[in-house]
Amino acid sequence: MMDLDRLDNDLAGWLDRTLVRPGLLPPDRFEDAFVAVVRASAGDPDDAWLAFYRNTLAALHGEVRPGGTNAELKPVHERAAELVVGAEVLELGSCFGFLALRLAAAGHRVTATDLTRGTVDLLARTAPRLGLTLDTMVADARAVPLPDASMDTVFAVHLLEHLPAEEDKAVLAEMLRLARHRVVVAVPFEDVPNETWGHLRRFDESVLAELGDTTGLPYTVSTHHGGWLVIDLH
C-alpha cells in the first residue's frame, strides 16, 4: 500500500521507470497497474483518488520532485493558464482533469471532456470534494455535442500524440467550430513516442506549422516544454 501523503501523479513515472522500461510490465498493462496501486492505497478507493488529486494539484502549484511526472506537467499547465482568453474554457482529452481543475480554481467556467467514461466520472466525483466546480462530458474530440462558438478558449493539451495523424485535421476543425476566440494545441517533443503513455507519434515545430497552415487562419507556433500551436479567431 502506498503512503497517501506521497500518492500523486509521479506514480506514473515511477511505474514507467521501475517496471515498464526494464521489461517487467508490458506497456499495455501500465494503466491497470497504475489504477490498482492508487485504489489499494486506502480502504475506500474514492478516498485514495482524492488524496491522489490533492497531492498532484499541490505539486503542480508548488514544489515538485525532480524527474517526476509532475515536474514535466507543471510548466505545461502554467503556460496553458497564461494562454486562456475569456471566461468559458473547454478542454478536450482532459484525462484526469488536472489542467481543467487548475483553470476552474482560477475562476474560469470549465468544461472537461474525454472519451474514457471512467476518467470523466472520476473527475466529476472528485471535483466537488476538492471544492471546485466544472462540467464534465464524455465526448469524442472530433464531434463534441456543444453549439458552435460556445467556448472562449478551447484546449487540446497533450492529446494529438495519442491519435493517428489523419485525425489531426478533424480535431482541429472541431476546436475551431467550438471556439469564439482562441484554440490552443500543445504536444510533447519526443525523440521516440512514449509507448507507456500511449503516444503514437512524434511532433516538431514543422508538424505544428503544417497543421496551422491547413486552417487558413493566422497562427503562431512556439516551444515551451514541448510545442504550442495557438490560433486566434477574433
C-alpha atoms as a PDB file:
ATOM      1  CA  MET A   1       0.000   0.000   0.000  1.00  0.00           C
ATOM      2  CA  MET A   2       1.367   3.402  -0.973  1.00  0.00           C
ATOM      3  CA  ASP A   3       1.608   6.233   1.585  1.00  0.00           C
ATOM      4  CA  LEU A   4      -1.358   8.543   0.929  1.00  0.00           C
ATOM      5  CA  ASP A   5       0.815  11.600   1.646  1.00  0.00           C
ATOM      6  CA  ARG A   6       3.023  10.691  -1.318  1.00  0.00           C
ATOM      7  CA  LEU A   7       0.346   9.419  -3.666  1.00  0.00           C
ATOM      8  CA  ASP A   8       0.310  11.672  -6.718  1.00  0.00           C
ATOM      9  CA  ASN A   9       0.809  11.592 -10.477  1.00  0.00           C
ATOM     10  CA  ASP A  10       4.534  10.936 -10.083  1.00  0.00           C
ATOM     11  CA  LEU A  11       3.432   7.344  -9.545  1.00  0.00           C
ATOM     12  CA  ALA A  12       3.105   7.136 -13.329  1.00  0.00           C
ATOM     13  CA  GLY A  13       6.755   7.985 -13.868  1.00  0.00           C
ATOM     14  CA  TRP A  14       7.858   5.607 -11.118  1.00  0.00           C
ATOM     15  CA  LEU A  15       5.966   2.699 -12.654  1.00  0.00           C
ATOM     16  CA  ASP A  16       7.401   3.521 -16.064  1.00  0.00           C
ATOM     17  CA  ARG A  17      10.998   3.694 -14.794  1.00  0.00           C
ATOM     18  CA  THR A  18      10.902   0.698 -12.460  1.00  0.00           C
ATOM     19  CA  LEU A  19       8.586  -1.731 -14.215  1.00  0.00           C
ATOM     20  CA  VAL A  20       7.865  -0.840 -17.830  1.00  0.00           C
ATOM     21  CA  ARG A  21      11.298   0.173 -19.109  1.00  0.00           C
ATOM     22  CA  PRO A  22      13.072  -2.831 -17.522  1.00  0.00           C
ATOM     23  CA  GLY A  23      10.515  -5.074 -19.230  1.00  0.00           C
ATOM     24  CA  LEU A  24       8.792  -6.232 -16.043  1.00  0.00           C
ATOM     25  CA  LEU A  25       5.421  -4.735 -17.038  1.00  0.00           C
ATOM     26  CA  PRO A  26       4.095  -4.626 -20.613  1.00  0.00           C
ATOM     27  CA  PRO A  27       3.112  -1.083 -21.674  1.00  0.00           C
ATOM     28  CA  ASP A  28      -0.442  -2.238 -22.364  1.00  0.00           C
ATOM     29  CA  ARG A  29      -0.771  -3.246 -18.675  1.00  0.00           C
ATOM     30  CA  PHE A  30       0.542   0.065 -17.336  1.00  0.00           C
ATOM     31  CA  GLU A  31      -2.877   1.663 -16.865  1.00  0.00           C
ATOM     32  CA  ASP A  32      -4.227  -1.364 -14.983  1.00  0.00           C
ATOM     33  CA  ALA A  33      -1.212  -1.356 -12.658  1.00  0.00           C
ATOM     34  CA  PHE A  34      -1.482   2.381 -12.058  1.00  0.00           C
ATOM     35  CA  VAL A  35      -5.160   2.186 -11.129  1.00  0.00           C
ATOM     36  CA  ALA A  36      -4.592  -0.850  -8.920  1.00  0.00           C
ATOM     37  CA  VAL A  37      -1.867   0.892  -6.895  1.00  0.00           C
ATOM     38  CA  VAL A  38      -3.996   4.009  -6.367  1.00  0.00           C
ATOM     39  CA  ARG A  39      -7.136   2.092  -5.400  1.00  0.00           C
ATOM     40  CA  ALA A  40      -5.211  -0.100  -2.948  1.00  0.00           C
ATOM     41  CA  SER A  41      -3.844   2.919  -1.072  1.00  0.00           C
ATOM     42  CA  ALA A  42      -6.979   3.426   1.063  1.00  0.00           C
ATOM     43  CA  GLY A  43      -9.900   1.353   2.274  1.00  0.00           C
ATOM     44  CA  ASP A  44     -12.257   3.471   0.161  1.00  0.00           C
ATOM     45  CA  PRO A  45     -10.923   3.849  -3.404  1.00  0.00           C
ATOM     46  CA  ASP A  46     -12.529   7.295  -3.717  1.00  0.00           C
ATOM     47  CA  ASP A  47     -10.526   8.441  -0.674  1.00  0.00           C
ATOM     48  CA  ALA A  48      -7.377   7.205  -2.410  1.00  0.00           C
ATOM     49  CA  TRP A  49      -8.261   9.100  -5.562  1.00  0.00           C
ATOM     50  CA  LEU A  50      -9.000  12.228  -3.532  1.00  0.00           C
ATOM     51  CA  ALA A  51      -5.523  12.062  -1.985  1.00  0.00           C
ATOM     52  CA  PHE A  52      -4.068  11.460  -5.449  1.00  0.00           C
ATOM     53  CA  TYR A  53      -5.781  14.575  -6.790  1.00  0.00           C
ATOM     54  CA  ARG A  54      -4.968  16.790  -3.804  1.00  0.00           C
ATOM     55  CA  ASN A  55      -1.302  15.823  -3.765  1.00  0.00           C
ATOM     56  CA  THR A  56      -0.920  16.187  -7.529  1.00  0.00           C
ATOM     57  CA  LEU A  57      -2.583  19.602  -7.623  1.00  0.00           C
ATOM     58  CA  ALA A  58      -0.436  20.760  -4.699  1.00  0.00           C
ATOM     59  CA  ALA A  59       2.698  19.630  -6.529  1.00  0.00           C
ATOM     60  CA  LEU A  60       1.616  21.309  -9.762  1.00  0.00           C
ATOM     61  CA  HIS A  61       1.177  24.574  -7.852  1.00  0.00           C
ATOM     62  CA  GLY A  62       4.351  24.295  -5.753  1.00  0.00           C
ATOM     63  CA  GLU A  63       7.422  22.154  -5.319  1.00  0.00           C
ATOM     64  CA  VAL A  64       7.837  19.067  -7.480  1.00  0.00           C
ATOM     65  CA  ARG A  65      10.200  16.144  -7.253  1.00  0.00           C
ATOM     66  CA  PRO A  66      12.932  16.432  -9.927  1.00  0.00           C
ATOM     67  CA  GLY A  67      12.414  13.968 -12.738  1.00  0.00           C
ATOM     68  CA  GLY A  68       8.835  13.192 -11.757  1.00  0.00           C
ATOM     69  CA  THR A  69       5.787  13.339 -13.978  1.00  0.00           C
ATOM     70  CA  ASN A  70       4.531  16.423 -12.144  1.00  0.00           C
ATOM     71  CA  ALA A  71       7.784  18.219 -12.978  1.00  0.00           C
ATOM     72  CA  GLU A  72       7.007  17.649 -16.651  1.00  0.00           C
ATOM     73  CA  LEU A  73       3.386  18.768 -16.376  1.00  0.00           C
ATOM     74  CA  LYS A  74       3.878  21.865 -14.204  1.00  0.00           C
ATOM     75  CA  PRO A  75       5.403  24.190 -16.851  1.00  0.00           C
ATOM     76  CA  VAL A  76       2.930  22.932 -19.450  1.00  0.00           C
ATOM     77  CA  HIS A  77      -0.061  23.777 -17.255  1.00  0.00           C
ATOM     78  CA  GLU A  78       1.438  27.144 -16.313  1.00  0.00           C
ATOM     79  CA  ARG A  79       1.829  28.036 -19.968  1.00  0.00           C
ATOM     80  CA  ALA A  80      -1.712  26.877 -20.756  1.00  0.00           C
ATOM     81  CA  ALA A  81      -3.118  29.043 -17.957  1.00  0.00           C
ATOM     82  CA  GLU A  82      -1.324  32.055 -19.427  1.00  0.00           C
ATOM     83  CA  LEU A  83      -2.940  31.468 -22.813  1.00  0.00           C
ATOM     84  CA  VAL A  84      -6.587  31.470 -21.686  1.00  0.00           C
ATOM     85  CA  VAL A  85      -8.765  34.141 -23.262  1.00  0.00           C
ATOM     86  CA  GLY A  86     -12.231  34.751 -21.809  1.00  0.00           C
ATOM     87  CA  ALA A  87     -14.218  33.069 -19.061  1.00  0.00           C
ATOM     88  CA  GLU A  88     -15.539  29.901 -20.729  1.00  0.00           C
ATOM     89  CA  VAL A  89     -12.975  27.196 -21.370  1.00  0.00           C
ATOM     90  CA  LEU A  90     -13.209  23.758 -22.942  1.00  0.00           C
ATOM     91  CA  GLU A  91     -10.548  21.085 -22.610  1.00  0.00           C
ATOM     92  CA  LEU A  92     -10.600  18.140 -24.990  1.00  0.00           C
ATOM     93  CA  GLY A  93      -8.941  14.908 -23.896  1.00  0.00           C
ATOM     94  CA  SER A  94      -8.741  16.072 -20.286  1.00  0.00           C
ATOM     95  CA  CYS A  95      -7.838  12.643 -18.810  1.00  0.00           C
ATOM     96  CA  PHE A  96      -7.645  13.160 -15.011  1.00  0.00           C
ATOM     97  CA  GLY A  97      -8.525  16.816 -15.499  1.00  0.00           C
ATOM     98  CA  PHE A  98      -5.641  18.462 -13.633  1.00  0.00           C
ATOM     99  CA  LEU A  99      -5.497  21.369 -16.082  1.00  0.00           C
ATOM    100  CA  ALA A 100      -9.281  21.754 -16.074  1.00  0.00           C
ATOM    101  CA  LEU A 101      -9.262  21.868 -12.262  1.00  0.00           C
ATOM    102  CA  ARG A 102      -6.485  24.465 -12.259  1.00  0.00           C
ATOM    103  CA  LEU A 103      -8.469  26.687 -14.606  1.00  0.00           C
ATOM    104  CA  ALA A 104     -11.651  26.207 -12.578  1.00  0.00           C
ATOM    105  CA  ALA A 105      -9.758  27.230  -9.421  1.00  0.00           C
ATOM    106  CA  ALA A 106      -8.670  30.385 -11.257  1.00  0.00           C
ATOM    107  CA  GLY A 107     -12.316  31.318 -11.787  1.00  0.00           C
ATOM    108  CA  HIS A 108     -12.959  30.110 -15.318  1.00  0.00           C
ATOM    109  CA  ARG A 109     -16.127  28.263 -16.271  1.00  0.00           C
ATOM    110  CA  VAL A 110     -14.644  24.988 -17.447  1.00  0.00           C
ATOM    111  CA  THR A 111     -15.954  22.017 -19.367  1.00  0.00           C
ATOM    112  CA  ALA A 112     -13.684  18.965 -19.410  1.00  0.00           C
ATOM    113  CA  THR A 113     -14.231  16.212 -21.961  1.00  0.00           C
ATOM    114  CA  ASP A 114     -12.639  12.840 -22.528  1.00  0.00           C
ATOM    115  CA  LEU A 115     -13.507   9.724 -24.493  1.00  0.00           C
ATOM    116  CA  THR A 116     -12.979   7.450 -21.465  1.00  0.00           C
ATOM    117  CA  ARG A 117     -16.046   7.381 -19.226  1.00  0.00           C
ATOM    118  CA  GLY A 118     -14.110   6.124 -16.197  1.00  0.00           C
ATOM    119  CA  THR A 119     -11.834   9.165 -16.015  1.00  0.00           C
ATOM    120  CA  VAL A 120     -14.713  11.544 -16.720  1.00  0.00           C
ATOM    121  CA  ASP A 121     -16.803  10.015 -13.945  1.00  0.00           C
ATOM    122  CA  LEU A 122     -13.823  10.122 -11.573  1.00  0.00           C
ATOM    123  CA  LEU A 123     -13.262  13.813 -12.282  1.00  0.00           C
ATOM    124  CA  ALA A 124     -16.964  14.558 -11.820  1.00  0.00           C
ATOM    125  CA  ARG A 125     -16.979  12.794  -8.436  1.00  0.00           C
ATOM    126  CA  THR A 126     -13.736  14.295  -7.187  1.00  0.00           C
ATOM    127  CA  ALA A 127     -14.053  17.948  -8.200  1.00  0.00           C
ATOM    128  CA  PRO A 128     -16.759  18.768  -5.605  1.00  0.00           C
ATOM    129  CA  ARG A 129     -14.672  17.105  -2.875  1.00  0.00           C
ATOM    130  CA  LEU A 130     -11.877  19.486  -3.847  1.00  0.00           C
ATOM    131  CA  GLY A 131     -14.265  22.440  -3.550  1.00  0.00           C
ATOM    132  CA  LEU A 132     -14.202  23.064  -7.297  1.00  0.00           C
ATOM    133  CA  THR A 133     -16.958  23.311  -9.888  1.00  0.00           C
ATOM    134  CA  LEU A 134     -16.699  22.289 -13.514  1.00  0.00           C
ATOM    135  CA  ASP A 135     -18.756  20.497 -16.134  1.00  0.00           C
ATOM    136  CA  THR A 136     -17.705  17.119 -17.479  1.00  0.00           C
ATOM    137  CA  MET A 137     -18.690  15.288 -20.615  1.00  0.00           C
ATOM    138  CA  VAL A 138     -17.844  12.010 -22.323  1.00  0.00           C
ATOM    139  CA  ALA A 139     -17.092  13.074 -25.882  1.00  0.00           C
ATOM    140  CA  ASP A 140     -15.014  12.272 -28.928  1.00  0.00           C
ATOM    141  CA  ALA A 141     -12.723  15.225 -29.664  1.00  0.00           C
ATOM    142  CA  ARG A 142     -13.801  15.065 -33.304  1.00  0.00           C
ATOM    143  CA  ALA A 143     -17.504  15.513 -32.510  1.00  0.00           C
ATOM    144  CA  VAL A 144     -18.328  17.323 -29.267  1.00  0.00           C
ATOM    145  CA  PRO A 145     -22.076  17.823 -28.627  1.00  0.00           C
ATOM    146  CA  LEU A 146     -21.831  21.549 -27.933  1.00  0.00           C
ATOM    147  CA  PRO A 147     -23.031  24.511 -30.042  1.00  0.00           C
ATOM    148  CA  ASP A 148     -20.831  26.469 -32.430  1.00  0.00           C
ATOM    149  CA  ALA A 149     -18.748  29.231 -30.828  1.00  0.00           C
ATOM    150  CA  SER A 150     -19.858  28.182 -27.340  1.00  0.00           C
ATOM    151  CA  MET A 151     -16.447  28.479 -25.642  1.00  0.00           C
ATOM    152  CA  ASP A 152     -13.967  31.340 -25.436  1.00  0.00           C
ATOM    153  CA  THR A 153     -10.841  29.156 -25.401  1.00  0.00           C
ATOM    154  CA  VAL A 154     -10.580  25.527 -26.490  1.00  0.00           C
ATOM    155  CA  PHE A 155      -7.597  23.406 -25.432  1.00  0.00           C
ATOM    156  CA  ALA A 156      -6.129  20.135 -26.656  1.00  0.00           C
ATOM    157  CA  VAL A 157      -3.144  19.715 -24.346  1.00  0.00           C
ATOM    158  CA  HIS A 158      -1.176  16.515 -24.921  1.00  0.00           C
ATOM    159  CA  LEU A 159      -3.990  14.918 -26.895  1.00  0.00           C
ATOM    160  CA  LEU A 160      -2.887  14.724 -30.530  1.00  0.00           C
ATOM    161  CA  GLU A 161       0.117  12.495 -29.828  1.00  0.00           C
ATOM    162  CA  HIS A 162      -2.375   9.798 -28.775  1.00  0.00           C
ATOM    163  CA  LEU A 163      -4.166   9.899 -32.149  1.00  0.00           C
ATOM    164  CA  PRO A 164      -3.291   8.791 -35.687  1.00  0.00           C
ATOM    165  CA  ALA A 165      -2.017  11.672 -37.825  1.00  0.00           C
ATOM    166  CA  GLU A 166      -5.060  11.554 -40.091  1.00  0.00           C
ATOM    167  CA  GLU A 167      -7.295  12.647 -37.189  1.00  0.00           C
ATOM    168  CA  ASP A 168      -5.462  15.931 -36.531  1.00  0.00           C
ATOM    169  CA  LYS A 169      -7.468  17.981 -39.009  1.00  0.00           C
ATOM    170  CA  ALA A 170     -10.804  16.698 -37.717  1.00  0.00           C
ATOM    171  CA  VAL A 171      -9.909  17.541 -34.115  1.00  0.00           C
ATOM    172  CA  LEU A 172      -8.621  20.976 -35.048  1.00  0.00           C
ATOM    173  CA  ALA A 173     -11.703  21.695 -37.166  1.00  0.00           C
ATOM    174  CA  GLU A 174     -13.904  20.794 -34.194  1.00  0.00           C
ATOM    175  CA  MET A 175     -11.886  23.056 -31.921  1.00  0.00           C
ATOM    176  CA  LEU A 176     -12.283  25.938 -34.355  1.00  0.00           C
ATOM    177  CA  ARG A 177     -16.016  25.296 -34.550  1.00  0.00           C
ATOM    178  CA  LEU A 178     -16.398  25.438 -30.790  1.00  0.00           C
ATOM    179  CA  ALA A 179     -14.139  28.425 -30.081  1.00  0.00           C
ATOM    180  CA  ARG A 180     -15.146  32.069 -30.017  1.00  0.00           C
ATOM    181  CA  HIS A 181     -11.657  33.478 -29.547  1.00  0.00           C
ATOM    182  CA  ARG A 182      -8.730  31.077 -29.213  1.00  0.00           C
ATOM    183  CA  VAL A 183      -7.650  27.496 -29.923  1.00  0.00           C
ATOM    184  CA  VAL A 184      -4.580  26.073 -28.185  1.00  0.00           C
ATOM    185  CA  VAL A 185      -2.852  22.801 -29.105  1.00  0.00           C
ATOM    186  CA  ALA A 186       0.095  21.555 -27.049  1.00  0.00           C
ATOM    187  CA  VAL A 187       2.177  18.457 -27.758  1.00  0.00           C
ATOM    188  CA  PRO A 188       5.351  16.951 -26.296  1.00  0.00           C
ATOM    189  CA  PHE A 189       8.530  16.933 -28.328  1.00  0.00           C
ATOM    190  CA  GLU A 190       9.982  13.422 -28.028  1.00  0.00           C
ATOM    191  CA  ASP A 191      12.757  11.651 -29.873  1.00  0.00           C
ATOM    192  CA  VAL A 192      10.713   8.451 -29.625  1.00  0.00           C
ATOM    193  CA  PRO A 193       6.983   8.360 -28.794  1.00  0.00           C
ATOM    194  CA  ASN A 194       6.465   7.126 -25.231  1.00  0.00           C
ATOM    195  CA  GLU A 195       4.549   3.876 -25.606  1.00  0.00           C
ATOM    196  CA  THR A 196       3.774   3.741 -21.889  1.00  0.00           C
ATOM    197  CA  TRP A 197       1.780   6.982 -22.121  1.00  0.00           C
ATOM    198  CA  GLY A 198       0.047   5.748 -25.274  1.00  0.00           C
ATOM    199  CA  HIS A 199       1.898   8.118 -27.601  1.00  0.00           C
ATOM    200  CA  LEU A 200       1.676   7.050 -31.233  1.00  0.00           C
ATOM    201  CA  ARG A 201       3.843   9.653 -32.975  1.00  0.00           C
ATOM    202  CA  ARG A 202       6.367  12.418 -32.553  1.00  0.00           C
ATOM    203  CA  PHE A 203       5.977  16.117 -33.247  1.00  0.00           C
ATOM    204  CA  ASP A 204       8.238  19.028 -34.018  1.00  0.00           C
ATOM    205  CA  GLU A 205       7.627  22.666 -34.967  1.00  0.00           C
ATOM    206  CA  SER A 206       7.267  21.861 -38.655  1.00  0.00           C
ATOM    207  CA  VAL A 207       4.444  19.390 -37.998  1.00  0.00           C
ATOM    208  CA  LEU A 208       2.557  22.000 -35.957  1.00  0.00           C
ATOM    209  CA  ALA A 209       3.134  24.626 -38.659  1.00  0.00           C
ATOM    210  CA  GLU A 210       1.759  22.279 -41.311  1.00  0.00           C
ATOM    211  CA  LEU A 211      -1.318  21.769 -39.152  1.00  0.00           C
ATOM    212  CA  GLY A 212      -1.710  25.504 -38.697  1.00  0.00           C
ATOM    213  CA  ASP A 213      -1.419  26.029 -42.454  1.00  0.00           C
ATOM    214  CA  THR A 214      -4.420  23.779 -43.053  1.00  0.00           C
ATOM    215  CA  THR A 215      -6.724  26.205 -41.232  1.00  0.00           C
ATOM    216  CA  GLY A 216      -6.127  29.206 -43.489  1.00  0.00           C
ATOM    217  CA  LEU A 217      -6.076  31.330 -40.311  1.00  0.00           C
ATOM    218  CA  PRO A 218      -3.237  33.290 -38.687  1.00  0.00           C
ATOM    219  CA  TYR A 219      -1.415  31.184 -36.120  1.00  0.00           C
ATOM    220  CA  THR A 220       1.735  31.031 -34.037  1.00  0.00           C
ATOM    221  CA  VAL A 221       3.971  28.071 -33.243  1.00  0.00           C
ATOM    222  CA  SER A 222       6.259  28.230 -30.212  1.00  0.00           C
ATOM    223  CA  THR A 223       8.207  25.954 -27.906  1.00  0.00           C
ATOM    224  CA  HIS A 224       7.894  25.704 -24.132  1.00  0.00           C
ATOM    225  CA  HIS A 225       8.425  22.233 -22.696  1.00  0.00           C
ATOM    226  CA  GLY A 226       7.047  20.927 -25.973  1.00  0.00           C
ATOM    227  CA  GLY A 227       5.298  22.610 -28.868  1.00  0.00           C
ATOM    228  CA  TRP A 228       2.369  25.014 -28.965  1.00  0.00           C
ATOM    229  CA  LEU A 229       0.037  25.940 -31.796  1.00  0.00           C
ATOM    230  CA  VAL A 230      -2.155  28.955 -30.996  1.00  0.00           C
ATOM    231  CA  ILE A 231      -4.880  30.208 -33.322  1.00  0.00           C
ATOM    232  CA  ASP A 232      -6.791  33.397 -32.584  1.00  0.00           C
ATOM    233  CA  LEU A 233     -10.151  33.722 -34.288  1.00  0.00           C
ATOM    234  CA  HIS A 234     -11.025  37.301 -33.277  1.00  0.00           C
END
